[in-house]
Amino acid sequence: MTEAELLPVLKTALTEHFAAPVALARIHVRPGTYASSYQLQEVDVELADGSWLPLVVKSLGRQSMLP
């Protein structure tokens, strides 16, 4: 997933997780170090308060399957 695709998904998921609105300052996406049958991406999320959340995103779509 691209950063543009991840932004709304992360904002919704983090708002639900923290049970409060979450403001994202920026995110950095890179290919994951490890993988299974599907692509993994490492995502560093900077919140508006300056804190960072290191996350891993696994894409489960057919197009994300590794050969």
PDB file of N, CA and C in Angstrom:
ATOM      1  N   MET A   1       0.840  -1.183   0.000  1.00  0.00           N
ATOM      2  CA  MET A   1       0.000   0.000   0.000  1.00  0.00           C
ATOM      3  C   MET A   1       0.881   1.242   0.000  1.00  0.00           C
ATOM      4  N   THR A   2       0.382   2.275  -0.606  1.00  0.00           N
ATOM      5  CA  THR A   2       1.122   3.532  -0.629  1.00  0.00           C
ATOM      6  C   THR A   2       0.801   4.325   0.639  1.00  0.00           C
ATOM      7  N   GLU A   3       1.606   5.348   0.888  1.00  0.00           N
ATOM      8  CA  GLU A   3       1.350   6.220   2.042  1.00  0.00           C
ATOM      9  C   GLU A   3      -0.038   6.853   1.945  1.00  0.00           C
ATOM     10  N   ALA A   4      -0.417   7.276   0.742  1.00  0.00           N
ATOM     11  CA  ALA A   4      -1.736   7.904   0.553  1.00  0.00           C
ATOM     12  C   ALA A   4      -2.862   6.922   0.866  1.00  0.00           C
ATOM     13  N   GLU A   5      -2.690   5.646   0.519  1.00  0.00           N
ATOM     14  CA  GLU A   5      -3.705   4.636   0.816  1.00  0.00           C
ATOM     15  C   GLU A   5      -3.745   4.299   2.308  1.00  0.00           C
ATOM     16  N   LEU A   6      -2.595   4.326   2.953  1.00  0.00           N
ATOM     17  CA  LEU A   6      -2.505   3.960   4.365  1.00  0.00           C
ATOM     18  C   LEU A   6      -3.027   5.044   5.313  1.00  0.00           C
ATOM     19  N   LEU A   7      -2.869   6.302   4.958  1.00  0.00           N
ATOM     20  CA  LEU A   7      -3.249   7.392   5.870  1.00  0.00           C
ATOM     21  C   LEU A   7      -4.668   7.267   6.424  1.00  0.00           C
ATOM     22  N   PRO A   8      -5.693   7.157   5.587  1.00  0.00           N
ATOM     23  CA  PRO A   8      -7.040   7.076   6.165  1.00  0.00           C
ATOM     24  C   PRO A   8      -7.273   5.784   6.949  1.00  0.00           C
ATOM     25  N   VAL A   9      -6.677   4.696   6.514  1.00  0.00           N
ATOM     26  CA  VAL A   9      -6.827   3.418   7.213  1.00  0.00           C
ATOM     27  C   VAL A   9      -6.193   3.508   8.595  1.00  0.00           C
ATOM     28  N   LEU A  10      -4.977   4.054   8.663  1.00  0.00           N
ATOM     29  CA  LEU A  10      -4.292   4.195   9.946  1.00  0.00           C
ATOM     30  C   LEU A  10      -5.038   5.147  10.874  1.00  0.00           C
ATOM     31  N   LYS A  11      -5.509   6.258  10.328  1.00  0.00           N
ATOM     32  CA  LYS A  11      -6.218   7.231  11.164  1.00  0.00           C
ATOM     33  C   LYS A  11      -7.456   6.591  11.795  1.00  0.00           C
ATOM     34  N   THR A  12      -8.213   5.841  11.006  1.00  0.00           N
ATOM     35  CA  THR A  12      -9.411   5.165  11.527  1.00  0.00           C
ATOM     36  C   THR A  12      -9.034   4.112  12.561  1.00  0.00           C
ATOM     37  N   ALA A  13      -8.055   3.269  12.242  1.00  0.00           N
ATOM     38  CA  ALA A  13      -7.665   2.196  13.156  1.00  0.00           C
ATOM     39  C   ALA A  13      -7.104   2.740  14.466  1.00  0.00           C
ATOM     40  N   LEU A  14      -6.276   3.770  14.398  1.00  0.00           N
ATOM     41  CA  LEU A  14      -5.685   4.330  15.616  1.00  0.00           C
ATOM     42  C   LEU A  14      -6.716   5.088  16.446  1.00  0.00           C
ATOM     43  N   THR A  15      -7.659   5.748  15.791  1.00  0.00           N
ATOM     44  CA  THR A  15      -8.733   6.421  16.517  1.00  0.00           C
ATOM     45  C   THR A  15      -9.569   5.398  17.276  1.00  0.00           C
ATOM     46  N   GLU A  16      -9.862   4.273  16.639  1.00  0.00           N
ATOM     47  CA  GLU A  16     -10.612   3.204  17.316  1.00  0.00           C
ATOM     48  C   GLU A  16      -9.783   2.607  18.454  1.00  0.00           C
ATOM     49  N   HIS A  17      -8.507   2.379  18.211  1.00  0.00           N
ATOM     50  CA  HIS A  17      -7.635   1.776  19.231  1.00  0.00           C
ATOM     51  C   HIS A  17      -7.531   2.651  20.480  1.00  0.00           C
ATOM     52  N   PHE A  18      -7.303   3.948  20.275  1.00  0.00           N
ATOM     53  CA  PHE A  18      -7.117   4.865  21.400  1.00  0.00           C
ATOM     54  C   PHE A  18      -8.440   5.437  21.930  1.00  0.00           C
ATOM     55  N   ALA A  19      -9.544   5.117  21.274  1.00  0.00           N
ATOM     56  CA  ALA A  19     -10.875   5.607  21.654  1.00  0.00           C
ATOM     57  C   ALA A  19     -10.926   7.131  21.737  1.00  0.00           C
ATOM     58  N   ALA A  20     -10.178   7.773  20.848  1.00  0.00           N
ATOM     59  CA  ALA A  20     -10.138   9.232  20.763  1.00  0.00           C
ATOM     60  C   ALA A  20      -9.580   9.600  19.391  1.00  0.00           C
ATOM     61  N   PRO A  21      -9.952  10.763  18.877  1.00  0.00           N
ATOM     62  CA  PRO A  21      -9.400  11.185  17.582  1.00  0.00           C
ATOM     63  C   PRO A  21      -7.871  11.251  17.628  1.00  0.00           C
ATOM     64  N   VAL A  22      -7.252  10.790  16.563  1.00  0.00           N
ATOM     65  CA  VAL A  22      -5.793  10.775  16.467  1.00  0.00           C
ATOM     66  C   VAL A  22      -5.380  11.622  15.270  1.00  0.00           C
ATOM     67  N   ALA A  23      -4.451  12.529  15.486  1.00  0.00           N
ATOM     68  CA  ALA A  23      -3.919  13.349  14.402  1.00  0.00           C
ATOM     69  C   ALA A  23      -2.558  12.801  13.999  1.00  0.00           C
ATOM     70  N   LEU A  24      -2.417  12.466  12.723  1.00  0.00           N
ATOM     71  CA  LEU A  24      -1.155  11.946  12.212  1.00  0.00           C
ATOM     72  C   LEU A  24      -0.335  13.081  11.619  1.00  0.00           C
ATOM     73  N   ALA A  25       0.927  13.163  12.004  1.00  0.00           N
ATOM     74  CA  ALA A  25       1.810  14.185  11.453  1.00  0.00           C
ATOM     75  C   ALA A  25       2.425  13.700  10.143  1.00  0.00           C
ATOM     76  N   ARG A  26       2.903  12.445  10.138  1.00  0.00           N
ATOM     77  CA  ARG A  26       3.479  11.862   8.920  1.00  0.00           C
ATOM     78  C   ARG A  26       3.681  10.372   9.126  1.00  0.00           C
ATOM     79  N   ILE A  27       3.857   9.685   7.997  1.00  0.00           N
ATOM     80  CA  ILE A  27       4.181   8.264   8.056  1.00  0.00           C
ATOM     81  C   ILE A  27       5.313   7.975   7.077  1.00  0.00           C
ATOM     82  N   HIS A  28       6.060   6.939   7.382  1.00  0.00           N
ATOM     83  CA  HIS A  28       7.133   6.486   6.503  1.00  0.00           C
ATOM     84  C   HIS A  28       6.928   4.990   6.277  1.00  0.00           C
ATOM     85  N   VAL A  29       6.818   4.589   5.013  1.00  0.00           N
ATOM     86  CA  VAL A  29       6.548   3.195   4.658  1.00  0.00           C
ATOM     87  C   VAL A  29       7.748   2.628   3.918  1.00  0.00           C
ATOM     88  N   ARG A  30       8.130   1.405   4.294  1.00  0.00           N
ATOM     89  CA  ARG A  30       9.226   0.721   3.600  1.00  0.00           C
ATOM     90  C   ARG A  30       8.906  -0.769   3.544  1.00  0.00           C
ATOM     91  N   PRO A  31       9.512  -1.489   2.610  1.00  0.00           N
ATOM     92  CA  PRO A  31       9.293  -2.935   2.548  1.00  0.00           C
ATOM     93  C   PRO A  31       9.722  -3.588   3.854  1.00  0.00           C
ATOM     94  N   GLY A  32       8.981  -4.600   4.270  1.00  0.00           N
ATOM     95  CA  GLY A  32       9.315  -5.305   5.497  1.00  0.00           C
ATOM     96  C   GLY A  32      10.567  -6.145   5.354  1.00  0.00           C
ATOM     97  N   THR A  33      11.245  -6.357   6.476  1.00  0.00           N
ATOM     98  CA  THR A  33      12.441  -7.188   6.502  1.00  0.00           C
ATOM     99  C   THR A  33      12.077  -8.653   6.290  1.00  0.00           C
ATOM    100  N   TYR A  34      10.920  -9.028   6.785  1.00  0.00           N
ATOM    101  CA  TYR A  34      10.453 -10.406   6.694  1.00  0.00           C
ATOM    102  C   TYR A  34       9.182 -10.454   5.866  1.00  0.00           C
ATOM    103  N   ALA A  35       8.824 -11.655   5.421  1.00  0.00           N
ATOM    104  CA  ALA A  35       7.582 -11.834   4.681  1.00  0.00           C
ATOM    105  C   ALA A  35       7.108 -13.268   4.863  1.00  0.00           C
ATOM    106  N   SER A  36       5.838 -13.456   4.637  1.00  0.00           N
ATOM    107  CA  SER A  36       5.270 -14.799   4.629  1.00  0.00           C
ATOM    108  C   SER A  36       4.811 -15.038   3.199  1.00  0.00           C
ATOM    109  N   SER A  37       3.598 -15.459   3.023  1.00  0.00           N
ATOM    110  CA  SER A  37       3.054 -15.626   1.671  1.00  0.00           C
ATOM    111  C   SER A  37       2.635 -14.298   1.069  1.00  0.00           C
ATOM    112  N   TYR A  38       2.529 -13.281   1.918  1.00  0.00           N
ATOM    113  CA  TYR A  38       2.074 -11.965   1.488  1.00  0.00           C
ATOM    114  C   TYR A  38       3.099 -10.902   1.850  1.00  0.00           C
ATOM    115  N   GLN A  39       2.996  -9.769   1.161  1.00  0.00           N
ATOM    116  CA  GLN A  39       3.881  -8.633   1.427  1.00  0.00           C
ATOM    117  C   GLN A  39       3.695  -8.094   2.835  1.00  0.00           C
ATOM    118  N   LEU A  40       4.801  -7.727   3.444  1.00  0.00           N
ATOM    119  CA  LEU A  40       4.772  -6.999   4.716  1.00  0.00           C
ATOM    120  C   LEU A  40       5.431  -5.653   4.489  1.00  0.00           C
ATOM    121  N   GLN A  41       4.908  -4.624   5.146  1.00  0.00           N
ATOM    122  CA  GLN A  41       5.510  -3.299   5.108  1.00  0.00           C
ATOM    123  C   GLN A  41       5.720  -2.820   6.534  1.00  0.00           C
ATOM    124  N   GLU A  42       6.849  -2.179   6.757  1.00  0.00           N
ATOM    125  CA  GLU A  42       7.108  -1.546   8.050  1.00  0.00           C
ATOM    126  C   GLU A  42       6.682  -0.092   7.916  1.00  0.00           C
ATOM    127  N   VAL A  43       5.891   0.364   8.880  1.00  0.00           N
ATOM    128  CA  VAL A  43       5.323   1.714   8.822  1.00  0.00           C
ATOM    129  C   VAL A  43       5.648   2.436  10.128  1.00  0.00           C
ATOM    130  N   ASP A  44       6.334   3.542  10.018  1.00  0.00           N
ATOM    131  CA  ASP A  44       6.601   4.400  11.177  1.00  0.00           C
ATOM    132  C   ASP A  44       5.604   5.551  11.120  1.00  0.00           C
ATOM    133  N   VAL A  45       4.816   5.677  12.176  1.00  0.00           N
ATOM    134  CA  VAL A  45       3.775   6.704  12.236  1.00  0.00           C
ATOM    135  C   VAL A  45       4.176   7.739  13.279  1.00  0.00           C
ATOM    136  N   GLU A  46       4.238   8.999  12.869  1.00  0.00           N
ATOM    137  CA  GLU A  46       4.457  10.083  13.821  1.00  0.00           C
ATOM    138  C   GLU A  46       3.115  10.746  14.098  1.00  0.00           C
ATOM    139  N   LEU A  47       2.750  10.762  15.364  1.00  0.00           N
ATOM    140  CA  LEU A  47       1.512  11.424  15.762  1.00  0.00           C
ATOM    141  C   LEU A  47       1.762  12.918  15.934  1.00  0.00           C
ATOM    142  N   ALA A  48       0.701  13.698  15.940  1.00  0.00           N
ATOM    143  CA  ALA A  48       0.821  15.148  16.053  1.00  0.00           C
ATOM    144  C   ALA A  48       1.492  15.580  17.355  1.00  0.00           C
ATOM    145  N   ASP A  49       1.413  14.724  18.399  1.00  0.00           N
ATOM    146  CA  ASP A  49       2.051  15.074  19.674  1.00  0.00           C
ATOM    147  C   ASP A  49       3.550  14.755  19.692  1.00  0.00           C
ATOM    148  N   GLY A  50       4.078  14.259  18.563  1.00  0.00           N
ATOM    149  CA  GLY A  50       5.506  13.970  18.458  1.00  0.00           C
ATOM    150  C   GLY A  50       5.889  12.536  18.780  1.00  0.00           C
ATOM    151  N   SER A  51       4.959  11.745  19.260  1.00  0.00           N
ATOM    152  CA  SER A  51       5.279  10.346  19.558  1.00  0.00           C
ATOM    153  C   SER A  51       5.274   9.522  18.269  1.00  0.00           C
ATOM    154  N   TRP A  52       6.004   8.409  18.305  1.00  0.00           N
ATOM    155  CA  TRP A  52       6.142   7.530  17.145  1.00  0.00           C
ATOM    156  C   TRP A  52       5.562   6.161  17.454  1.00  0.00           C
ATOM    157  N   LEU A  53       4.944   5.551  16.456  1.00  0.00           N
ATOM    158  CA  LEU A  53       4.448   4.192  16.569  1.00  0.00           C
ATOM    159  C   LEU A  53       5.061   3.357  15.447  1.00  0.00           C
ATOM    160  N   PRO A  54       5.862   2.356  15.774  1.00  0.00           N
ATOM    161  CA  PRO A  54       6.361   1.444  14.740  1.00  0.00           C
ATOM    162  C   PRO A  54       5.317   0.349  14.499  1.00  0.00           C
ATOM    163  N   LEU A  55       4.875   0.200  13.271  1.00  0.00           N
ATOM    164  CA  LEU A  55       3.832  -0.769  12.933  1.00  0.00           C
ATOM    165  C   LEU A  55       4.278  -1.673  11.788  1.00  0.00           C
ATOM    166  N   VAL A  56       3.605  -2.797  11.658  1.00  0.00           N
ATOM    167  CA  VAL A  56       3.804  -3.691  10.521  1.00  0.00           C
ATOM    168  C   VAL A  56       2.442  -3.870   9.862  1.00  0.00           C
ATOM    169  N   VAL A  57       2.402  -3.725   8.534  1.00  0.00           N
ATOM    170  CA  VAL A  57       1.169  -3.865   7.774  1.00  0.00           C
ATOM    171  C   VAL A  57       1.325  -5.043   6.828  1.00  0.00           C
ATOM    172  N   LYS A  58       0.344  -5.931   6.853  1.00  0.00           N
ATOM    173  CA  LYS A  58       0.342  -7.089   5.962  1.00  0.00           C
ATOM    174  C   LYS A  58      -0.793  -6.921   4.971  1.00  0.00           C
ATOM    175  N   SER A  59      -0.466  -6.869   3.696  1.00  0.00           N
ATOM    176  CA  SER A  59      -1.473  -6.764   2.646  1.00  0.00           C
ATOM    177  C   SER A  59      -1.959  -8.172   2.304  1.00  0.00           C
ATOM    178  N   LEU A  60      -3.270  -8.358   2.292  1.00  0.00           N
ATOM    179  CA  LEU A  60      -3.828  -9.687   2.069  1.00  0.00           C
ATOM    180  C   LEU A  60      -4.508  -9.859   0.723  1.00  0.00           C
ATOM    181  N   GLY A  61      -4.433  -8.852  -0.111  1.00  0.00           N
ATOM    182  CA  GLY A  61      -5.039  -8.958  -1.440  1.00  0.00           C
ATOM    183  C   GLY A  61      -4.289  -9.929  -2.338  1.00  0.00           C
ATOM    184  N   ARG A  62      -4.985 -10.465  -3.315  1.00  0.00           N
ATOM    185  CA  ARG A  62      -4.363 -11.426  -4.245  1.00  0.00           C
ATOM    186  C   ARG A  62      -3.106 -10.858  -4.890  1.00  0.00           C
ATOM    187  N   GLN A  63      -3.134  -9.560  -5.212  1.00  0.00           N
ATOM    188  CA  GLN A  63      -1.986  -8.924  -5.856  1.00  0.00           C
ATOM    189  C   GLN A  63      -0.771  -8.819  -4.931  1.00  0.00           C
ATOM    190  N   SER A  64      -0.984  -9.033  -3.631  1.00  0.00           N
ATOM    191  CA  SER A  64       0.113  -8.927  -2.656  1.00  0.00           C
ATOM    192  C   SER A  64       0.785 -10.261  -2.365  1.00  0.00           C
ATOM    193  N   MET A  65       0.274 -11.337  -2.957  1.00  0.00           N
ATOM    194  CA  MET A  65       0.890 -12.644  -2.738  1.00  0.00           C
ATOM    195  C   MET A  65       2.279 -12.672  -3.366  1.00  0.00           C
ATOM    196  N   LEU A  66       3.207 -13.240  -2.632  1.00  0.00           N
ATOM    197  CA  LEU A  66       4.568 -13.358  -3.137  1.00  0.00           C
ATOM    198  C   LEU A  66       4.682 -14.643  -3.961  1.00  0.00           C
ATOM    199  N   PRO A  67       5.553 -14.623  -4.973  1.00  0.00           N
ATOM    200  CA  PRO A  67       5.719 -15.821  -5.810  1.00  0.00           C
ATOM    201  C   PRO A  67       6.359 -16.978  -5.052  1.00  0.00           C
TER     202      PRO A  67
END
